[in-house]
Amino acid sequence: MREFFSSLTVVDTHHDVRRNIVSLRESRNLFDDLSADPAEQAVAQQVESAVKPLHYHSPTPVIHRPFEEVEWFNAIGWPFQHWQSSRYSDGSFGVWYGADSVAATVYETACHWYRGLLLDAEGYADEAVAIERKVYTVACDALLLDLRPRVAEFPALLHKTDYAFTQQVGARLRREGHPGLLSLSARHAEGLNYVIFNPATLSNPRVNCMLTYRLKGEHVVVEKRPGVTWRKIAVADL
């Protein structure tokens, strides 16, 4: 591990990256199962808003708008408050993952979605199932450690399933206070992944596009416009 860290360089990053999350194309009323009366549903929404703590504080509170909190939490804050095991975390801390293009986010997330079907929903992997997602554009301003030159010597950085080495890397960087790192995508040959440990380096989330993933036979079909194929990914490549 000491040899790995001994010759790392940094990249001064000041540009937009893409973040791909589960979302719905059309919002749904979460309280319609409590009452059919719109007035009563509105009261329930007001009660929830009154007791729900803010996750985001606008740097300009005079012009703060409620939807800013929602966009920030969805695009940036969620993984820092809901920890889970991933390539660069053993689940004991949160990590934010983004990519340099929408395509790279699709290959990364389609892989996890398909494998989730195999592991968590036995039998569904053979049926026509679908999931809706949203891609955000997020500004990243950080001095990131550049892992790209180390991939040839340390192929474990891009291993498809074994995250033991990368979790050690992530644990040290997070412990020492580094804001994040830049690496090649393990799923998309042309993609770059941005791995962020400090949410303060991320800002200005904006909706980029909506996507639908459909499992059809041996392919994951990706649609930007419902019913129109944008990309088709063979499950054998995931």
Protein backbone atom coordinates (compact mmCIF):
# COMPACT_ATOMS: atom_id res chain seq x y z
CA MET A 1 0.00 0.00 0.00
CA ARG A 2 2.87 2.39 0.75
CA GLU A 3 4.24 1.83 -2.76
CA PHE A 4 0.83 2.65 -4.23
CA PHE A 5 0.56 6.01 -2.48
CA SER A 6 4.21 7.01 -2.92
CA SER A 7 3.92 8.47 -6.43
CA LEU A 8 0.33 9.71 -6.68
CA THR A 9 -0.29 13.08 -8.29
CA VAL A 10 -3.26 15.43 -8.00
CA VAL A 11 -5.70 17.01 -10.45
CA ASP A 12 -7.09 20.49 -9.77
CA THR A 13 -10.72 19.90 -10.71
CA HIS A 14 -13.17 22.70 -11.46
CA HIS A 15 -15.88 21.42 -13.77
CA ASP A 16 -19.20 19.58 -13.98
CA VAL A 17 -19.62 15.86 -13.35
CA ARG A 18 -22.65 13.58 -13.70
CA ARG A 19 -24.53 11.78 -10.94
CA ASN A 20 -27.04 8.99 -11.78
CA ILE A 21 -29.68 8.06 -9.16
CA VAL A 22 -32.96 6.16 -8.89
CA SER A 23 -35.90 8.50 -9.49
CA LEU A 24 -39.34 8.74 -11.05
CA ARG A 25 -40.15 10.49 -14.31
CA GLU A 26 -43.39 11.71 -12.75
CA SER A 27 -43.78 12.64 -9.08
CA ARG A 28 -46.31 10.69 -7.04
CA ASN A 29 -48.36 11.74 -4.04
CA LEU A 30 -47.02 9.84 -1.04
CA PHE A 31 -50.13 10.60 1.04
CA ASP A 32 -52.89 9.53 -1.34
CA ASP A 33 -53.14 6.18 0.44
CA LEU A 34 -54.03 7.97 3.70
CA SER A 35 -57.00 9.88 2.34
CA ALA A 36 -58.75 10.60 -0.93
CA ASP A 37 -59.40 14.18 0.19
CA PRO A 38 -56.79 16.59 -1.33
CA ALA A 39 -57.21 18.95 1.65
CA GLU A 40 -56.31 16.19 4.11
CA GLN A 41 -53.35 15.19 1.95
CA ALA A 42 -52.13 18.80 2.06
CA VAL A 43 -52.35 18.80 5.86
CA ALA A 44 -50.24 15.61 5.99
CA GLN A 45 -47.62 17.23 3.76
CA GLN A 46 -47.52 20.31 5.99
CA VAL A 47 -47.03 18.17 9.10
CA GLU A 48 -44.16 16.28 7.44
CA SER A 49 -42.48 19.54 6.38
CA ALA A 50 -42.82 20.98 9.88
CA VAL A 51 -41.03 18.08 11.60
CA LYS A 52 -38.52 17.18 8.89
CA PRO A 53 -35.02 18.58 9.63
CA LEU A 54 -33.19 20.51 6.94
CA HIS A 55 -30.29 18.67 5.32
CA TYR A 56 -29.16 21.67 3.32
CA HIS A 57 -28.56 25.29 4.29
CA SER A 58 -28.44 27.82 1.48
CA PRO A 59 -25.35 30.06 1.41
CA THR A 60 -27.76 32.84 0.44
CA PRO A 61 -30.75 32.29 2.76
CA VAL A 62 -32.49 35.47 1.65
CA ILE A 63 -33.16 33.89 -1.74
CA HIS A 64 -33.31 30.27 -0.56
CA ARG A 65 -36.06 28.26 -2.23
CA PRO A 66 -37.39 24.96 -0.82
CA PHE A 67 -36.60 22.99 -3.96
CA GLU A 68 -32.91 23.83 -3.55
CA GLU A 69 -32.81 21.57 -0.50
CA VAL A 70 -34.48 18.74 -2.39
CA GLU A 71 -32.12 18.97 -5.36
CA TRP A 72 -29.05 19.20 -3.11
CA PHE A 73 -30.12 16.21 -1.02
CA ASN A 74 -30.98 14.04 -4.04
CA ALA A 75 -27.92 14.90 -6.11
CA ILE A 76 -25.29 15.37 -3.38
CA GLY A 77 -26.30 14.72 0.22
CA TRP A 78 -27.88 11.25 0.13
CA PRO A 79 -24.76 9.00 0.12
CA PHE A 80 -23.14 11.02 2.91
CA GLN A 81 -26.12 10.34 5.19
CA HIS A 82 -26.98 6.80 4.07
CA TRP A 83 -23.76 4.81 4.19
CA GLN A 84 -23.36 1.58 2.28
CA SER A 85 -20.57 -0.69 1.13
CA SER A 86 -19.15 0.23 -2.28
CA ARG A 87 -15.90 0.23 -4.25
CA TYR A 88 -14.20 2.78 -2.00
CA SER A 89 -16.08 2.29 1.27
CA ASP A 90 -16.60 -0.69 3.55
CA GLY A 91 -19.89 0.87 4.65
CA SER A 92 -18.48 2.75 7.65
CA PHE A 93 -18.60 6.13 5.85
CA GLY A 94 -20.35 7.73 2.89
CA VAL A 95 -18.91 8.17 -0.59
CA TRP A 96 -20.31 10.12 -3.55
CA TYR A 97 -19.76 8.71 -7.04
CA GLY A 98 -20.00 10.67 -10.28
CA ALA A 99 -18.66 10.37 -13.82
CA ASP A 100 -17.48 12.52 -16.68
CA SER A 101 -20.40 11.58 -18.96
CA VAL A 102 -23.97 10.31 -18.85
CA ALA A 103 -22.85 7.18 -20.71
CA ALA A 104 -20.29 6.31 -18.02
CA THR A 105 -22.92 6.65 -15.28
CA VAL A 106 -25.22 4.35 -17.25
CA TYR A 107 -22.69 1.53 -17.53
CA GLU A 108 -21.80 1.80 -13.84
CA THR A 109 -25.37 1.88 -12.54
CA ALA A 110 -26.78 -0.65 -15.02
CA CYS A 111 -24.27 -3.16 -13.71
CA HIS A 112 -25.32 -2.65 -10.08
CA TRP A 113 -29.02 -2.72 -11.00
CA TYR A 114 -28.72 -5.98 -12.93
CA ARG A 115 -26.65 -7.67 -10.25
CA GLY A 116 -29.16 -6.51 -7.67
CA LEU A 117 -31.90 -8.26 -9.60
CA LEU A 118 -29.90 -11.49 -9.61
CA LEU A 119 -29.12 -11.32 -5.88
CA ASP A 120 -32.20 -9.72 -4.35
CA ALA A 121 -35.06 -10.59 -6.69
CA GLU A 122 -34.59 -14.19 -7.72
CA GLY A 123 -36.44 -14.96 -10.94
CA TYR A 124 -36.99 -11.34 -11.95
CA ALA A 125 -33.76 -11.26 -13.96
CA ASP A 126 -35.53 -13.40 -16.56
CA GLU A 127 -38.53 -11.07 -16.86
CA ALA A 128 -39.13 -7.70 -18.51
CA VAL A 129 -38.48 -5.36 -15.57
CA ALA A 130 -37.72 -1.65 -15.63
CA ILE A 131 -36.43 1.15 -13.41
CA GLU A 132 -36.51 4.92 -13.82
CA ARG A 133 -33.50 7.12 -13.05
CA LYS A 134 -32.43 10.75 -13.07
CA VAL A 135 -29.03 12.15 -14.04
CA TYR A 136 -27.81 15.33 -12.36
CA THR A 137 -25.06 17.67 -13.42
CA VAL A 138 -23.07 18.75 -10.34
CA ALA A 139 -20.18 21.22 -10.05
CA CYS A 140 -17.03 19.75 -8.51
CA ASP A 141 -14.26 21.99 -7.13
CA ALA A 142 -11.56 19.91 -5.49
CA LEU A 143 -7.93 18.84 -5.57
CA LEU A 144 -8.36 15.15 -6.39
CA LEU A 145 -5.78 12.39 -6.17
CA ASP A 146 -5.26 10.94 -9.66
CA LEU A 147 -5.34 7.14 -9.66
CA ARG A 148 -5.37 6.75 -13.44
CA PRO A 149 -1.59 6.32 -13.89
CA ARG A 150 -1.59 3.52 -11.29
CA VAL A 151 -4.17 1.26 -12.95
CA ALA A 152 -1.68 -0.69 -15.08
CA GLU A 153 0.47 -1.55 -12.04
CA PHE A 154 -2.48 -2.05 -9.69
CA PRO A 155 -5.29 -3.74 -11.70
CA ALA A 156 -7.24 -4.30 -8.47
CA LEU A 157 -8.36 -0.68 -8.85
CA LEU A 158 -10.72 -1.80 -11.64
CA HIS A 159 -11.66 -5.30 -10.45
CA LYS A 160 -15.31 -5.97 -11.27
CA THR A 161 -16.28 -7.59 -7.96
CA ASP A 162 -13.39 -7.58 -5.46
CA TYR A 163 -13.25 -4.21 -3.64
CA ALA A 164 -10.82 -5.18 -0.86
CA PHE A 165 -7.92 -3.10 -2.20
CA THR A 166 -9.95 -0.05 -3.19
CA GLN A 167 -11.75 -0.02 0.17
CA GLN A 168 -8.36 0.20 1.87
CA VAL A 169 -7.49 3.12 -0.39
CA GLY A 170 -10.78 4.86 0.35
CA ALA A 171 -10.48 4.32 4.11
CA ARG A 172 -7.04 5.96 4.25
CA LEU A 173 -7.99 8.91 2.05
CA ARG A 174 -11.13 9.58 4.05
CA ARG A 175 -9.31 9.20 7.38
CA GLU A 176 -6.60 11.67 6.30
CA GLY A 177 -9.13 14.23 5.06
CA HIS A 178 -8.55 14.08 1.31
CA PRO A 179 -11.55 15.43 -0.63
CA GLY A 180 -11.62 12.66 -3.23
CA LEU A 181 -10.02 10.91 -6.18
CA LEU A 182 -10.21 10.47 -9.93
CA SER A 183 -10.01 7.04 -11.56
CA LEU A 184 -10.89 5.13 -14.71
CA SER A 185 -14.32 3.52 -14.90
CA ALA A 186 -14.37 -0.22 -14.29
CA ARG A 187 -17.47 -0.63 -16.47
CA HIS A 188 -17.00 1.84 -19.34
CA ALA A 189 -13.67 1.86 -21.15
CA GLU A 190 -13.94 5.53 -22.08
CA GLY A 191 -15.29 6.75 -18.74
CA LEU A 192 -13.79 8.54 -15.76
CA ASN A 193 -15.13 8.22 -12.22
CA TYR A 194 -15.07 10.93 -9.56
CA VAL A 195 -15.05 9.60 -6.00
CA ILE A 196 -15.80 12.28 -3.41
CA PHE A 197 -15.41 12.05 0.38
CA ASN A 198 -16.22 15.69 1.22
CA PRO A 199 -19.65 17.07 0.18
CA ALA A 200 -18.36 20.64 0.51
CA THR A 201 -16.56 20.17 -2.82
CA LEU A 202 -19.87 19.64 -4.66
CA SER A 203 -22.44 22.30 -5.55
CA ASN A 204 -25.01 23.61 -8.04
CA PRO A 205 -26.97 20.41 -8.85
CA ARG A 206 -29.03 20.58 -12.05
CA VAL A 207 -31.18 17.97 -13.75
CA ASN A 208 -29.44 16.68 -16.88
CA CYS A 209 -31.88 14.04 -18.15
CA MET A 210 -34.26 11.24 -17.20
CA LEU A 211 -33.57 7.61 -18.08
CA THR A 212 -35.40 4.30 -18.08
CA TYR A 213 -33.58 0.96 -17.85
CA ARG A 214 -35.40 -2.09 -19.19
CA LEU A 215 -34.16 -5.65 -18.89
CA LYS A 216 -35.02 -7.39 -22.15
CA GLY A 217 -33.58 -10.86 -22.55
CA GLU A 218 -29.79 -10.62 -22.49
CA HIS A 219 -29.66 -6.82 -22.70
CA VAL A 220 -30.33 -3.77 -20.60
CA VAL A 221 -32.06 -1.27 -22.88
CA VAL A 222 -31.63 2.38 -21.88
CA GLU A 223 -34.13 5.04 -22.94
CA LYS A 224 -33.88 8.80 -22.65
CA ARG A 225 -37.29 9.18 -24.28
CA PRO A 226 -39.81 6.51 -23.19
CA GLY A 227 -40.04 3.78 -25.80
CA VAL A 228 -37.00 4.95 -27.78
CA THR A 229 -33.75 3.00 -27.32
CA TRP A 230 -30.72 5.19 -26.60
CA ARG A 231 -28.25 2.46 -25.63
CA LYS A 232 -28.30 -1.33 -25.42
CA ILE A 233 -25.88 -3.06 -23.05
CA ALA A 234 -25.29 -6.82 -23.09
CA VAL A 235 -25.65 -8.28 -19.59
CA ALA A 236 -22.60 -10.44 -20.35
CA ASP A 237 -20.55 -7.23 -20.33
CA LEU A 238 -21.81 -6.09 -16.93
